[in-house]
Amino acid sequence: MRIQTVLVLGLALVAAGCASTSKVMLGAARPAIAPEQVMVYFSPPPGRYDEIAILETSSGGLTYGEQNKMDEVIGKLRTAAAGLGANGVLFEGTATGYGGSNVGVGIGGGRFGGSSHVGGGIGVSITPTPKHARGIAIHVYDPPAPGSQPRQPVD
């Protein structure tokens, strides 16, 4: 019984860290490309582009540090866009989710067989708050050369 409980908890943690990226299709998908080929745009790119899908994702339940959370959601957006054949993601922003650290205190008492018992406990949760991100997977017809765009600050 104990092994089953540990296994179920372990699978739940893995599933929480592997949250998928949701997508709403706006246009036709193209053949998939490598995520490294997807550029992230913080403003609309110059020239013509097609919108393929709206993408939404969040960082995993065990990701600590703002930069790590941002790197994770950008990576997930790029991977999802690449799977749709988009060579760009028009980044729309982030939000911080619910959750975070908290502390709970409990005290209980009881009587059994003529003896009284009092107990107490403290529970601590240090789960980080997830970061949610949204972007639009796009196909840019004449993308700028890699490294030609200045990097934009994020949050």
Protein backbone atom coordinates (compact mmCIF):
# COMPACT_ATOMS: atom_id res chain seq x y z
CA MET A 1 0.00 0.00 0.00
CA ARG A 2 2.81 2.42 0.88
CA ILE A 3 4.58 1.86 -2.44
CA GLN A 4 1.36 2.59 -4.34
CA THR A 5 0.91 5.87 -2.46
CA VAL A 6 4.48 6.96 -3.20
CA LEU A 7 4.06 5.98 -6.86
CA VAL A 8 0.80 7.94 -7.21
CA LEU A 9 2.33 11.04 -5.57
CA GLY A 10 5.39 10.79 -7.80
CA LEU A 11 3.27 10.55 -10.94
CA ALA A 12 1.18 13.53 -9.81
CA LEU A 13 4.33 15.63 -9.38
CA VAL A 14 5.63 14.62 -12.80
CA ALA A 15 2.28 15.42 -14.40
CA ALA A 16 2.22 18.84 -12.71
CA GLY A 17 5.65 19.62 -14.13
CA CYS A 18 4.61 18.57 -17.64
CA ALA A 19 1.68 20.91 -18.11
CA SER A 20 0.82 21.11 -21.78
CA THR A 21 0.50 24.18 -23.94
CA SER A 22 -3.02 24.92 -25.11
CA LYS A 23 -3.63 26.16 -28.63
CA VAL A 24 -6.51 27.69 -30.52
CA MET A 25 -6.01 27.37 -34.25
CA LEU A 26 -6.39 30.55 -36.29
CA GLY A 27 -5.04 29.28 -39.59
CA ALA A 28 -3.54 26.25 -41.28
CA ALA A 29 -0.57 24.50 -39.70
CA ARG A 30 2.57 23.92 -41.74
CA PRO A 31 5.15 21.09 -41.56
CA ALA A 32 6.90 21.03 -38.19
CA ILE A 33 10.31 22.66 -37.77
CA ALA A 34 12.96 22.63 -35.03
CA PRO A 35 12.18 24.84 -31.99
CA GLU A 36 15.60 26.53 -32.42
CA GLN A 37 14.33 27.99 -35.71
CA VAL A 38 11.44 29.82 -33.99
CA MET A 39 12.11 33.49 -33.26
CA VAL A 40 10.33 35.28 -30.42
CA TYR A 41 8.97 38.73 -31.30
CA PHE A 42 7.97 41.25 -28.63
CA SER A 43 6.32 43.51 -31.21
CA PRO A 44 4.89 42.57 -34.62
CA PRO A 45 7.65 41.74 -37.09
CA PRO A 46 8.14 43.96 -40.12
CA GLY A 47 6.66 42.61 -43.29
CA ARG A 48 3.94 40.09 -43.91
CA TYR A 49 3.05 37.20 -41.61
CA ASP A 50 0.19 34.76 -41.04
CA GLU A 51 -1.26 33.93 -37.64
CA ILE A 52 -1.44 30.18 -37.05
CA ALA A 53 -2.58 29.71 -33.44
CA ILE A 54 -3.01 31.35 -30.05
CA LEU A 55 -0.76 29.58 -27.54
CA GLU A 56 -1.02 29.57 -23.73
CA THR A 57 1.28 27.76 -21.31
CA SER A 58 2.62 27.89 -17.78
CA SER A 59 5.77 26.99 -15.91
CA GLY A 60 5.99 23.70 -14.06
CA GLY A 61 4.95 23.28 -10.45
CA LEU A 62 8.53 22.87 -9.27
CA THR A 63 10.21 25.71 -11.19
CA TYR A 64 11.88 28.23 -8.88
CA GLY A 65 13.24 31.66 -9.83
CA GLU A 66 11.66 34.22 -12.11
CA GLN A 67 14.26 33.83 -14.87
CA ASN A 68 13.87 30.04 -14.84
CA LYS A 69 10.08 30.39 -15.07
CA MET A 70 10.39 32.83 -17.98
CA ASP A 71 12.89 30.61 -19.80
CA GLU A 72 10.55 27.65 -19.36
CA VAL A 73 7.42 29.36 -20.72
CA ILE A 74 9.31 30.88 -23.68
CA GLY A 75 10.74 27.44 -24.45
CA LYS A 76 7.28 25.85 -24.30
CA LEU A 77 5.85 28.54 -26.62
CA ARG A 78 8.69 27.99 -29.11
CA THR A 79 8.24 24.20 -29.02
CA ALA A 80 4.49 24.44 -29.55
CA ALA A 81 4.93 26.94 -32.40
CA ALA A 82 7.57 24.72 -34.04
CA GLY A 83 5.17 21.77 -33.92
CA LEU A 84 2.69 23.85 -35.93
CA GLY A 85 5.35 24.90 -38.46
CA ALA A 86 5.43 28.51 -37.22
CA ASN A 87 8.80 30.23 -37.51
CA GLY A 88 7.86 32.90 -34.95
CA VAL A 89 5.97 33.56 -31.75
CA LEU A 90 4.47 36.99 -31.17
CA PHE A 91 4.84 37.19 -27.39
CA GLU A 92 1.79 38.76 -25.71
CA GLY A 93 2.84 38.71 -22.06
CA THR A 94 2.87 36.85 -18.78
CA ALA A 95 0.88 36.65 -15.58
CA THR A 96 1.60 35.12 -12.20
CA GLY A 97 -0.68 32.30 -11.12
CA TYR A 98 -2.21 31.49 -7.79
CA GLY A 99 -0.40 29.46 -5.16
CA GLY A 100 2.83 30.02 -3.41
CA SER A 101 4.11 29.51 0.07
CA ASN A 102 1.88 29.21 3.07
CA VAL A 103 1.92 27.90 6.62
CA GLY A 104 -0.88 26.08 8.43
CA VAL A 105 -1.18 25.32 12.15
CA GLY A 106 -3.50 22.76 13.70
CA ILE A 107 -4.24 21.63 17.25
CA GLY A 108 -6.41 18.70 18.21
CA GLY A 109 -7.46 16.81 21.30
CA GLY A 110 -9.30 13.67 22.23
CA ARG A 111 -10.09 11.15 24.90
CA PHE A 112 -9.74 7.39 24.58
CA GLY A 113 -10.09 4.81 27.34
CA GLY A 114 -9.83 7.27 30.21
CA SER A 115 -6.74 9.00 28.86
CA SER A 116 -6.71 12.44 27.31
CA HIS A 117 -4.45 13.27 24.40
CA VAL A 118 -3.57 16.60 22.87
CA GLY A 119 -1.59 17.01 19.68
CA GLY A 120 -0.53 19.72 17.35
CA GLY A 121 1.11 20.16 14.01
CA ILE A 122 2.46 22.68 11.57
CA GLY A 123 2.30 22.27 7.81
CA VAL A 124 4.46 24.25 5.42
CA SER A 125 4.05 24.54 1.66
CA ILE A 126 6.85 26.07 -0.39
CA THR A 127 5.35 25.49 -3.82
CA PRO A 128 6.32 28.33 -6.18
CA THR A 129 3.66 30.31 -7.99
CA PRO A 130 3.51 29.37 -11.67
CA LYS A 131 4.09 31.87 -14.47
CA HIS A 132 1.56 31.84 -17.32
CA ALA A 133 2.43 33.09 -20.80
CA ARG A 134 0.55 33.76 -23.99
CA GLY A 135 1.70 34.20 -27.56
CA ILE A 136 0.59 33.85 -31.16
CA ALA A 137 2.30 31.30 -33.38
CA ILE A 138 3.06 33.08 -36.66
CA HIS A 139 4.68 32.33 -39.99
CA VAL A 140 6.85 35.27 -41.07
CA TYR A 141 7.46 35.37 -44.83
CA ASP A 142 10.76 37.29 -44.76
CA PRO A 143 12.13 36.80 -41.24
CA PRO A 144 15.12 38.91 -40.19
CA ALA A 145 18.44 37.12 -39.86
CA PRO A 146 19.03 35.57 -36.42
CA GLY A 147 20.78 38.00 -34.10
CA SER A 148 19.71 41.06 -36.12
CA GLN A 149 16.98 41.99 -33.63
CA PRO A 150 17.91 43.66 -30.34
CA ARG A 151 16.79 41.55 -27.36
CA GLN A 152 13.78 43.03 -25.58
CA PRO A 153 13.48 42.98 -21.79
CA VAL A 154 10.68 40.82 -20.41
CA ASP A 155 8.93 41.59 -17.11
